[in-house]
Amino acid sequence: MKNAIKARPLNDAQLMVLQVVNEQYNEQDIEDLHKLLVDFNNNKMQQHLDETIAQKGYGKADFENILTGHLRKTH
């Protein structure tokens, strides 16, 4: 089988999107919907990142260290 994809049941979010888009849309509408979903995912990921940063107590100095420093620990 060439490029076989294992079938999985759809989750609630996928089913909801299918119900919402059960219409014929023009190309611009599809682009708008794509942007909306990408923005939604981006916002959710940013929220998760912000929560993780707050939980771990990371600050500006930590990120500067990551960007400029060596991450290896000396033994």
Protein backbone atom coordinates (compact mmCIF):
# COMPACT_ATOMS: atom_id res chain seq x y z
CA MET A 1 0.00 0.00 0.00
CA LYS A 2 1.35 3.34 -1.01
CA ASN A 3 1.15 6.10 1.62
CA ALA A 4 -1.35 4.20 3.73
CA ILE A 5 -2.91 6.24 6.52
CA LYS A 6 -4.29 4.41 9.49
CA ALA A 7 -7.91 5.42 10.01
CA ARG A 8 -8.66 6.90 13.41
CA PRO A 9 -11.96 8.08 14.80
CA LEU A 10 -12.43 11.85 14.72
CA ASN A 11 -12.20 13.75 17.99
CA ASP A 12 -14.85 16.21 19.19
CA ALA A 13 -13.07 19.27 17.76
CA GLN A 14 -12.75 17.66 14.32
CA LEU A 15 -16.41 16.67 14.32
CA MET A 16 -17.44 20.18 15.33
CA VAL A 17 -15.38 21.75 12.52
CA LEU A 18 -16.95 19.36 10.01
CA GLN A 19 -20.43 20.32 11.18
CA VAL A 20 -19.62 24.03 10.92
CA VAL A 21 -18.15 23.76 7.42
CA ASN A 22 -20.89 21.56 6.01
CA GLU A 23 -21.46 24.14 3.27
CA GLN A 24 -19.97 25.03 -0.08
CA TYR A 25 -17.47 27.85 0.39
CA ASN A 26 -15.57 29.93 -2.12
CA GLU A 27 -11.79 30.14 -2.13
CA GLN A 28 -11.68 33.35 -0.05
CA ASP A 29 -13.95 31.84 2.60
CA ILE A 30 -11.67 28.80 2.82
CA GLU A 31 -8.62 31.04 3.21
CA ASP A 32 -10.41 33.02 5.93
CA LEU A 33 -11.38 29.81 7.74
CA HIS A 34 -7.81 28.53 7.51
CA LYS A 35 -6.48 31.79 8.98
CA LEU A 36 -9.08 31.64 11.76
CA LEU A 37 -8.05 28.10 12.72
CA VAL A 38 -4.33 28.91 12.55
CA ASP A 39 -4.88 31.99 14.74
CA PHE A 40 -6.92 29.92 17.20
CA ASN A 41 -4.15 27.31 17.46
CA ASN A 42 -1.51 30.02 17.82
CA ASN A 43 -3.44 31.65 20.67
CA LYS A 44 -3.85 28.31 22.47
CA MET A 45 -0.13 27.51 22.13
CA GLN A 46 0.86 31.01 23.32
CA GLN A 47 -1.46 30.66 26.33
CA HIS A 48 0.10 27.29 27.17
CA LEU A 49 3.61 28.74 26.80
CA ASP A 50 2.77 31.71 29.03
CA GLU A 51 1.37 29.36 31.70
CA THR A 52 4.46 27.15 31.54
CA ILE A 53 6.80 30.15 31.83
CA ALA A 54 4.85 31.40 34.85
CA GLN A 55 4.81 27.95 36.50
CA LYS A 56 8.54 27.47 36.07
CA GLY A 57 9.32 31.04 37.08
CA TYR A 58 11.39 31.81 33.99
CA GLY A 59 12.45 35.41 33.52
CA LYS A 60 14.19 37.51 30.91
CA ALA A 61 17.63 36.50 32.20
CA ASP A 62 16.76 32.80 31.75
CA PHE A 63 15.87 33.35 28.11
CA GLU A 64 18.98 35.45 27.50
CA ASN A 65 21.00 32.60 28.98
CA ILE A 66 19.33 30.10 26.68
CA LEU A 67 19.95 32.28 23.62
CA THR A 68 23.55 33.18 24.38
CA GLY A 69 24.87 30.66 26.85
CA HIS A 70 26.06 27.11 26.73
CA LEU A 71 23.41 24.69 27.90
CA ARG A 72 25.72 21.81 28.74
CA LYS A 73 26.26 21.04 32.38
CA THR A 74 29.80 20.50 33.56
CA HIS A 75 30.42 17.32 35.47
